[in-house]
N, C-alpha and C. Protein backbone atom coordinates (compact mmCIF):
# COMPACT_ATOMS: atom_id res chain seq x y z
N MET A 1 104.98 114.94 110.49
CA MET A 1 104.08 113.91 110.01
C MET A 1 102.66 114.21 110.49
N PRO A 2 101.68 113.86 109.71
CA PRO A 2 100.29 114.15 110.06
C PRO A 2 99.74 113.22 111.14
N GLN A 3 98.71 113.73 111.80
CA GLN A 3 97.95 112.95 112.77
C GLN A 3 96.51 112.96 112.31
N GLY A 4 95.80 111.86 112.56
CA GLY A 4 94.40 111.81 112.17
C GLY A 4 93.89 110.40 112.09
N THR A 5 92.93 110.20 111.19
CA THR A 5 92.27 108.91 111.02
C THR A 5 92.49 108.40 109.61
N LEU A 6 92.95 107.16 109.51
CA LEU A 6 93.17 106.50 108.22
C LEU A 6 92.06 105.48 108.03
N GLU A 7 91.37 105.60 106.90
CA GLU A 7 90.31 104.66 106.55
C GLU A 7 90.80 103.80 105.39
N VAL A 8 90.75 102.50 105.57
CA VAL A 8 91.21 101.56 104.54
C VAL A 8 90.00 100.78 104.03
N LEU A 9 89.75 100.87 102.74
CA LEU A 9 88.69 100.09 102.10
C LEU A 9 89.35 98.89 101.43
N LEU A 10 89.18 97.72 102.03
CA LEU A 10 89.71 96.48 101.48
C LEU A 10 88.67 95.94 100.50
N VAL A 11 88.98 95.99 99.21
CA VAL A 11 88.02 95.62 98.17
C VAL A 11 88.11 94.13 97.83
N SER A 12 89.26 93.72 97.30
CA SER A 12 89.38 92.34 96.80
C SER A 12 90.85 91.99 96.58
N ALA A 13 91.06 90.77 96.13
CA ALA A 13 92.38 90.31 95.71
C ALA A 13 92.18 89.45 94.47
N LYS A 14 93.24 89.29 93.71
CA LYS A 14 93.15 88.40 92.55
C LYS A 14 94.49 87.75 92.28
N LYS A 15 94.42 86.60 91.65
CA LYS A 15 95.59 85.82 91.27
C LYS A 15 96.45 85.43 92.46
N LEU A 16 95.84 85.27 93.64
CA LEU A 16 96.62 84.85 94.80
C LEU A 16 97.13 83.43 94.59
N GLU A 17 98.30 83.16 95.08
CA GLU A 17 98.87 81.83 94.97
C GLU A 17 98.07 80.89 95.87
N ASN A 18 97.54 79.84 95.30
CA ASN A 18 96.68 78.91 96.04
C ASN A 18 97.51 78.05 96.99
N THR A 19 97.16 78.09 98.28
CA THR A 19 97.87 77.27 99.27
C THR A 19 97.12 75.99 99.59
N ASP A 20 95.90 75.85 99.10
CA ASP A 20 95.11 74.63 99.29
C ASP A 20 95.08 73.88 97.96
N TYR A 21 95.53 72.64 97.98
CA TYR A 21 95.64 71.89 96.75
C TYR A 21 94.40 71.08 96.41
N PHE A 22 93.58 70.79 97.42
CA PHE A 22 92.42 69.93 97.18
C PHE A 22 91.10 70.69 97.23
N CYS A 23 91.13 71.96 97.63
CA CYS A 23 89.90 72.76 97.69
C CYS A 23 90.27 74.23 97.53
N LYS A 24 89.26 75.10 97.54
CA LYS A 24 89.51 76.53 97.40
C LYS A 24 89.97 77.13 98.73
N MET A 25 90.82 78.14 98.62
CA MET A 25 91.31 78.83 99.81
C MET A 25 90.19 79.60 100.50
N ASP A 26 90.41 79.90 101.77
CA ASP A 26 89.53 80.73 102.58
C ASP A 26 90.37 81.91 103.09
N PRO A 27 90.67 82.89 102.22
CA PRO A 27 91.61 83.95 102.60
C PRO A 27 91.00 85.01 103.52
N PHE A 28 91.89 85.59 104.33
CA PHE A 28 91.56 86.75 105.15
C PHE A 28 92.81 87.61 105.22
N VAL A 29 92.64 88.86 105.66
CA VAL A 29 93.75 89.81 105.68
C VAL A 29 93.94 90.34 107.10
N ILE A 30 95.19 90.40 107.52
CA ILE A 30 95.56 91.04 108.78
C ILE A 30 96.20 92.37 108.42
N LEU A 31 95.58 93.47 108.87
CA LEU A 31 96.05 94.82 108.58
C LEU A 31 96.74 95.37 109.83
N THR A 32 97.94 95.92 109.66
CA THR A 32 98.69 96.45 110.79
C THR A 32 99.19 97.85 110.46
N CYS A 33 98.85 98.79 111.34
CA CYS A 33 99.33 100.16 111.23
C CYS A 33 100.01 100.47 112.56
N ARG A 34 101.34 100.41 112.54
CA ARG A 34 102.18 100.55 113.73
C ARG A 34 101.78 99.52 114.78
N THR A 35 101.11 99.89 115.86
CA THR A 35 100.76 98.93 116.91
C THR A 35 99.31 98.46 116.83
N GLN A 36 98.55 98.99 115.88
CA GLN A 36 97.14 98.62 115.75
C GLN A 36 97.00 97.51 114.71
N THR A 37 96.27 96.46 115.07
CA THR A 37 96.06 95.34 114.17
C THR A 37 94.57 95.03 114.08
N GLN A 38 94.09 94.84 112.86
CA GLN A 38 92.70 94.46 112.62
C GLN A 38 92.69 93.33 111.60
N GLN A 39 91.60 92.58 111.60
CA GLN A 39 91.50 91.43 110.70
C GLN A 39 90.19 91.48 109.92
N SER A 40 90.28 91.16 108.64
CA SER A 40 89.09 91.09 107.80
C SER A 40 88.30 89.83 108.12
N SER A 41 87.13 89.74 107.54
CA SER A 41 86.37 88.50 107.62
C SER A 41 87.05 87.47 106.71
N VAL A 42 86.70 86.24 106.88
CA VAL A 42 87.23 85.16 106.05
C VAL A 42 86.35 85.05 104.80
N ALA A 43 86.99 85.11 103.64
CA ALA A 43 86.28 84.97 102.36
C ALA A 43 86.17 83.47 102.08
N SER A 44 85.21 82.84 102.73
CA SER A 44 85.07 81.38 102.68
C SER A 44 84.89 80.84 101.27
N ASN A 45 85.74 79.88 100.93
CA ASN A 45 85.66 79.15 99.68
C ASN A 45 85.73 80.05 98.44
N GLN A 46 86.39 81.23 98.58
CA GLN A 46 86.50 82.14 97.43
C GLN A 46 87.81 81.97 96.66
N GLY A 47 88.70 81.15 97.15
CA GLY A 47 89.90 80.82 96.41
C GLY A 47 90.86 81.96 96.18
N SER A 48 91.41 82.01 94.98
CA SER A 48 92.46 82.96 94.62
C SER A 48 91.97 84.36 94.27
N ASN A 49 90.64 84.55 94.19
CA ASN A 49 90.07 85.84 93.80
C ASN A 49 88.98 86.28 94.79
N PRO A 50 89.34 86.48 96.06
CA PRO A 50 88.34 86.83 97.08
C PRO A 50 87.88 88.28 97.00
N GLU A 51 86.69 88.53 97.53
CA GLU A 51 86.16 89.88 97.67
C GLU A 51 85.74 90.09 99.12
N TRP A 52 86.07 91.28 99.65
CA TRP A 52 85.71 91.60 101.02
C TRP A 52 84.80 92.82 101.12
N ASN A 53 85.17 93.91 100.47
CA ASN A 53 84.44 95.18 100.55
C ASN A 53 84.18 95.56 102.02
N GLU A 54 85.27 95.63 102.78
CA GLU A 54 85.22 95.98 104.20
C GLU A 54 86.05 97.22 104.46
N THR A 55 85.63 98.01 105.44
CA THR A 55 86.34 99.23 105.79
C THR A 55 86.94 99.10 107.19
N PHE A 56 88.17 99.56 107.34
CA PHE A 56 88.88 99.54 108.61
C PHE A 56 89.36 100.95 108.92
N VAL A 57 89.33 101.33 110.19
CA VAL A 57 89.74 102.66 110.61
C VAL A 57 90.89 102.54 111.61
N PHE A 58 91.95 103.33 111.37
CA PHE A 58 93.12 103.35 112.23
C PHE A 58 93.38 104.79 112.68
N ASN A 59 93.84 104.95 113.92
CA ASN A 59 94.29 106.25 114.40
C ASN A 59 95.75 106.39 114.03
N VAL A 60 96.08 107.46 113.33
CA VAL A 60 97.44 107.69 112.86
C VAL A 60 98.09 108.75 113.73
N SER A 61 99.29 108.45 114.20
CA SER A 61 100.03 109.41 115.01
C SER A 61 101.39 109.67 114.37
N GLU A 62 102.18 110.49 115.04
CA GLU A 62 103.50 110.85 114.53
C GLU A 62 104.32 109.62 114.18
N GLY A 63 105.01 109.67 113.06
CA GLY A 63 105.93 108.62 112.69
C GLY A 63 105.36 107.49 111.85
N VAL A 64 104.05 107.44 111.64
CA VAL A 64 103.47 106.38 110.81
C VAL A 64 103.78 106.68 109.35
N LYS A 65 104.39 105.71 108.67
CA LYS A 65 104.78 105.90 107.27
C LYS A 65 104.12 104.92 106.32
N ASP A 66 103.62 103.79 106.87
CA ASP A 66 103.04 102.77 105.99
C ASP A 66 102.05 101.91 106.75
N ILE A 67 101.38 101.06 106.00
CA ILE A 67 100.47 100.06 106.57
C ILE A 67 100.86 98.72 105.95
N GLN A 68 100.88 97.68 106.79
CA GLN A 68 101.25 96.35 106.31
C GLN A 68 100.00 95.48 106.26
N MET A 69 99.96 94.62 105.25
CA MET A 69 98.86 93.67 105.11
C MET A 69 99.44 92.30 104.86
N LYS A 70 98.94 91.35 105.62
CA LYS A 70 99.36 89.97 105.50
C LYS A 70 98.13 89.17 105.11
N ILE A 71 98.21 88.45 104.00
CA ILE A 71 97.10 87.62 103.54
C ILE A 71 97.35 86.19 104.01
N MET A 72 96.32 85.65 104.64
CA MET A 72 96.39 84.31 105.19
C MET A 72 95.26 83.46 104.61
N ASP A 73 95.44 82.13 104.67
CA ASP A 73 94.41 81.18 104.26
C ASP A 73 94.00 80.42 105.52
N GLN A 74 92.72 80.56 105.89
CA GLN A 74 92.24 79.90 107.09
C GLN A 74 92.14 78.39 106.86
N ASP A 75 92.72 77.65 107.78
CA ASP A 75 92.65 76.19 107.74
C ASP A 75 92.06 75.71 109.05
N ILE A 76 91.02 74.92 108.98
CA ILE A 76 90.40 74.34 110.17
C ILE A 76 91.20 73.09 110.56
N GLY A 77 91.58 73.01 111.82
CA GLY A 77 92.30 71.84 112.30
C GLY A 77 93.80 71.91 112.15
N SER A 78 94.33 72.97 111.53
CA SER A 78 95.77 73.15 111.43
C SER A 78 96.07 74.65 111.38
N CYS A 79 97.33 74.98 111.37
CA CYS A 79 97.73 76.39 111.33
C CYS A 79 97.31 77.04 110.01
N ASP A 80 96.94 78.32 110.09
CA ASP A 80 96.60 79.06 108.87
C ASP A 80 97.85 79.20 108.00
N ASP A 81 97.66 79.20 106.68
CA ASP A 81 98.77 79.31 105.74
C ASP A 81 99.03 80.77 105.37
N PHE A 82 100.30 81.13 105.30
CA PHE A 82 100.71 82.45 104.84
C PHE A 82 100.64 82.47 103.32
N VAL A 83 99.89 83.44 102.76
CA VAL A 83 99.73 83.55 101.32
C VAL A 83 100.69 84.58 100.75
N GLY A 84 100.79 85.74 101.40
CA GLY A 84 101.66 86.80 100.92
C GLY A 84 101.44 88.07 101.71
N GLU A 85 102.22 89.11 101.40
CA GLU A 85 102.12 90.36 102.13
C GLU A 85 102.42 91.55 101.25
N VAL A 86 102.02 92.72 101.74
CA VAL A 86 102.30 93.97 101.03
C VAL A 86 102.45 95.08 102.07
N THR A 87 103.38 95.98 101.81
CA THR A 87 103.56 97.17 102.64
C THR A 87 103.22 98.37 101.76
N ILE A 88 102.28 99.19 102.21
CA ILE A 88 101.81 100.31 101.41
C ILE A 88 102.25 101.61 102.05
N PRO A 89 103.08 102.40 101.35
CA PRO A 89 103.48 103.71 101.88
C PRO A 89 102.28 104.65 101.92
N LEU A 90 102.22 105.49 102.95
CA LEU A 90 101.06 106.36 103.13
C LEU A 90 101.30 107.81 102.72
N ALA A 91 102.46 108.13 102.19
CA ALA A 91 102.78 109.51 101.82
C ALA A 91 101.75 110.10 100.85
N ALA A 92 101.32 109.33 99.86
CA ALA A 92 100.37 109.84 98.86
C ALA A 92 99.02 110.18 99.49
N VAL A 93 98.52 109.32 100.37
CA VAL A 93 97.23 109.60 101.00
C VAL A 93 97.34 110.76 101.99
N PHE A 94 98.49 110.91 102.65
CA PHE A 94 98.68 112.06 103.54
C PHE A 94 98.66 113.36 102.74
N ALA A 95 99.26 113.34 101.55
CA ALA A 95 99.34 114.54 100.72
C ALA A 95 98.01 114.85 100.03
N GLU A 96 97.33 113.83 99.52
CA GLU A 96 96.13 114.03 98.71
C GLU A 96 94.82 113.95 99.50
N GLY A 97 94.83 113.25 100.63
CA GLY A 97 93.61 113.06 101.40
C GLY A 97 92.91 111.76 101.08
N SER A 98 93.06 111.28 99.85
CA SER A 98 92.47 109.98 99.49
C SER A 98 93.18 109.40 98.27
N VAL A 99 93.14 108.09 98.20
CA VAL A 99 93.66 107.36 97.05
C VAL A 99 92.56 106.37 96.67
N PRO A 100 92.03 106.47 95.44
CA PRO A 100 90.94 105.57 95.04
C PRO A 100 91.41 104.12 95.01
N PRO A 101 90.47 103.16 95.05
CA PRO A 101 90.85 101.75 95.02
C PRO A 101 91.82 101.45 93.89
N HIS A 102 92.89 100.79 94.25
CA HIS A 102 94.02 100.55 93.36
C HIS A 102 94.64 99.20 93.70
N PRO A 103 95.11 98.43 92.71
CA PRO A 103 95.76 97.15 93.01
C PRO A 103 97.22 97.34 93.46
N TYR A 104 97.61 96.59 94.47
CA TYR A 104 98.98 96.58 94.98
C TYR A 104 99.51 95.15 94.87
N THR A 105 100.79 95.02 94.56
CA THR A 105 101.41 93.72 94.38
C THR A 105 101.64 93.02 95.72
N VAL A 106 101.20 91.77 95.80
CA VAL A 106 101.42 90.93 96.98
C VAL A 106 102.65 90.07 96.70
N VAL A 107 103.54 89.99 97.69
CA VAL A 107 104.76 89.20 97.53
C VAL A 107 104.89 88.17 98.64
N LYS A 108 105.62 87.11 98.31
CA LYS A 108 105.97 86.08 99.29
C LYS A 108 107.40 85.67 98.99
N ASN A 109 108.26 85.83 99.97
CA ASN A 109 109.70 85.55 99.79
C ASN A 109 110.28 86.31 98.59
N GLY A 110 109.82 87.54 98.41
CA GLY A 110 110.34 88.39 97.34
C GLY A 110 109.78 88.12 95.96
N HIS A 111 108.83 87.20 95.84
CA HIS A 111 108.26 86.85 94.53
C HIS A 111 106.79 87.25 94.46
N TYR A 112 106.36 87.68 93.28
CA TYR A 112 104.97 88.04 93.02
C TYR A 112 104.06 86.85 93.30
N CYS A 113 102.97 87.11 94.05
CA CYS A 113 102.01 86.02 94.28
C CYS A 113 100.57 86.53 94.27
N GLY A 114 100.32 87.63 93.55
CA GLY A 114 98.97 88.13 93.40
C GLY A 114 98.87 89.63 93.61
N GLU A 115 97.63 90.12 93.67
CA GLU A 115 97.36 91.54 93.87
C GLU A 115 96.24 91.71 94.89
N ILE A 116 96.30 92.82 95.61
CA ILE A 116 95.23 93.16 96.53
C ILE A 116 94.77 94.58 96.18
N LYS A 117 93.47 94.78 96.15
CA LYS A 117 92.92 96.07 95.74
C LYS A 117 92.31 96.76 96.96
N LEU A 118 92.75 98.00 97.18
CA LEU A 118 92.21 98.76 98.30
C LEU A 118 92.29 100.24 98.04
N GLY A 119 91.43 100.98 98.75
CA GLY A 119 91.41 102.43 98.69
C GLY A 119 91.77 102.99 100.05
N LEU A 120 92.29 104.21 100.07
CA LEU A 120 92.72 104.84 101.31
C LEU A 120 92.13 106.24 101.43
N LYS A 121 91.80 106.62 102.64
CA LYS A 121 91.29 107.96 102.91
C LYS A 121 91.89 108.43 104.23
N PHE A 122 92.34 109.68 104.26
CA PHE A 122 92.95 110.22 105.47
C PHE A 122 92.25 111.51 105.88
N MET A 123 91.82 111.56 107.13
CA MET A 123 91.21 112.76 107.69
C MET A 123 92.17 113.31 108.74
N GLN A 124 92.81 114.43 108.40
CA GLN A 124 93.82 115.00 109.28
C GLN A 124 93.17 115.65 110.50
N GLU A 125 93.79 115.45 111.64
CA GLU A 125 93.34 116.04 112.90
C GLU A 125 93.99 117.40 113.01
N GLU A 126 93.19 118.40 113.38
CA GLU A 126 93.73 119.74 113.52
C GLU A 126 94.62 119.80 114.73
N ARG A 127 95.74 120.47 114.55
CA ARG A 127 96.66 120.68 115.66
C ARG A 127 96.48 122.09 116.17
N HIS A 128 96.65 122.21 117.46
CA HIS A 128 96.57 123.54 118.07
C HIS A 128 97.95 123.93 118.54
N ASP A 129 98.36 125.15 118.21
CA ASP A 129 99.65 125.64 118.66
C ASP A 129 99.53 125.95 120.14
N ARG A 130 100.17 125.14 120.95
CA ARG A 130 100.01 125.25 122.39
C ARG A 130 100.90 126.33 122.98
N GLY A 131 101.86 126.82 122.24
CA GLY A 131 102.80 127.81 122.76
C GLY A 131 102.11 129.04 123.34
N MET A 132 101.25 129.68 122.58
CA MET A 132 100.58 130.90 123.03
C MET A 132 99.52 130.59 124.07
N ALA A 133 98.79 129.51 123.91
CA ALA A 133 97.70 129.20 124.83
C ALA A 133 98.23 128.92 126.23
N GLU A 134 99.38 128.29 126.36
CA GLU A 134 99.91 127.97 127.68
C GLU A 134 100.36 129.21 128.43
N GLU A 135 100.76 130.25 127.73
CA GLU A 135 101.19 131.48 128.39
C GLU A 135 100.04 132.17 129.09
N ASN A 136 98.80 131.93 128.67
CA ASN A 136 97.65 132.59 129.25
C ASN A 136 97.12 131.91 130.51
N PHE A 137 97.68 130.78 130.88
CA PHE A 137 97.17 130.05 132.04
C PHE A 137 98.22 129.97 133.13
N GLY A 138 97.84 130.41 134.31
CA GLY A 138 98.71 130.28 135.48
C GLY A 138 100.00 131.06 135.36
N GLY A 139 100.95 130.65 136.13
CA GLY A 139 102.25 131.31 136.09
C GLY A 139 102.25 132.58 136.94
N TRP A 140 103.38 133.19 137.07
CA TRP A 140 103.53 134.36 137.94
C TRP A 140 102.77 135.57 137.45
N LYS A 141 102.49 135.67 136.15
CA LYS A 141 101.77 136.84 135.61
C LYS A 141 100.37 136.97 136.21
N HIS A 142 99.77 135.86 136.59
CA HIS A 142 98.38 135.88 137.08
C HIS A 142 98.29 135.66 138.59
N SER A 143 99.42 135.74 139.25
CA SER A 143 99.41 135.56 140.69
C SER A 143 98.79 136.78 141.35
N ALA A 144 97.90 136.56 142.29
CA ALA A 144 97.20 137.66 142.95
C ALA A 144 97.64 137.82 144.40
N ALA A 145 98.76 137.26 144.76
CA ALA A 145 99.22 137.34 146.14
C ALA A 145 99.81 138.72 146.40
N TYR A 146 99.33 139.40 147.43
CA TYR A 146 99.87 140.71 147.83
C TYR A 146 100.36 140.58 149.26
N TYR A 147 101.53 141.17 149.55
CA TYR A 147 102.09 141.10 150.91
C TYR A 147 102.12 142.45 151.53
C-alpha cells in the first residue's frame, strides 16, 4: 500500500435530507482517515445544498483503504443532527494520483439522502530500500579493533 499525503477538496453537497423543519440546515462535514479526523466549517443557513470549497490534508500510511465522511447539521442548544455518511475507497486515487471533483452518494440507514462532491489528490512518498543502506553502517565489517 502507498504512503504519502492525501489532499481532499470538499466542494459541495446537494439534495441533502433536511433535518431542520422550521429553518435551513447548517451542515458541516467530519472527515476521517484511519485515526486522523478533521472538520469542515459550518455552512450556515445553506440548507440542503451547501458549498464549502475547503481543502484537507491527511498523512496516509500502510493499510489505509478509504476515507469516511459524516455530514452533520449544527444545532445551537441541542445535539447536532446526523444527516448522512459516505465511505470513499482510495484505490483509484492511489493508482491515478488524482480524481477530479465528483459526486458521491450519501446514505443514512442504508437509504439515499443526497450527494457530496469532492476531489482527491495523492502525493506518494518515496520509499528507500533500507536493506543495502543498513549493511554499510556499523557491524563487524567496519570494526577497527586489533589485538
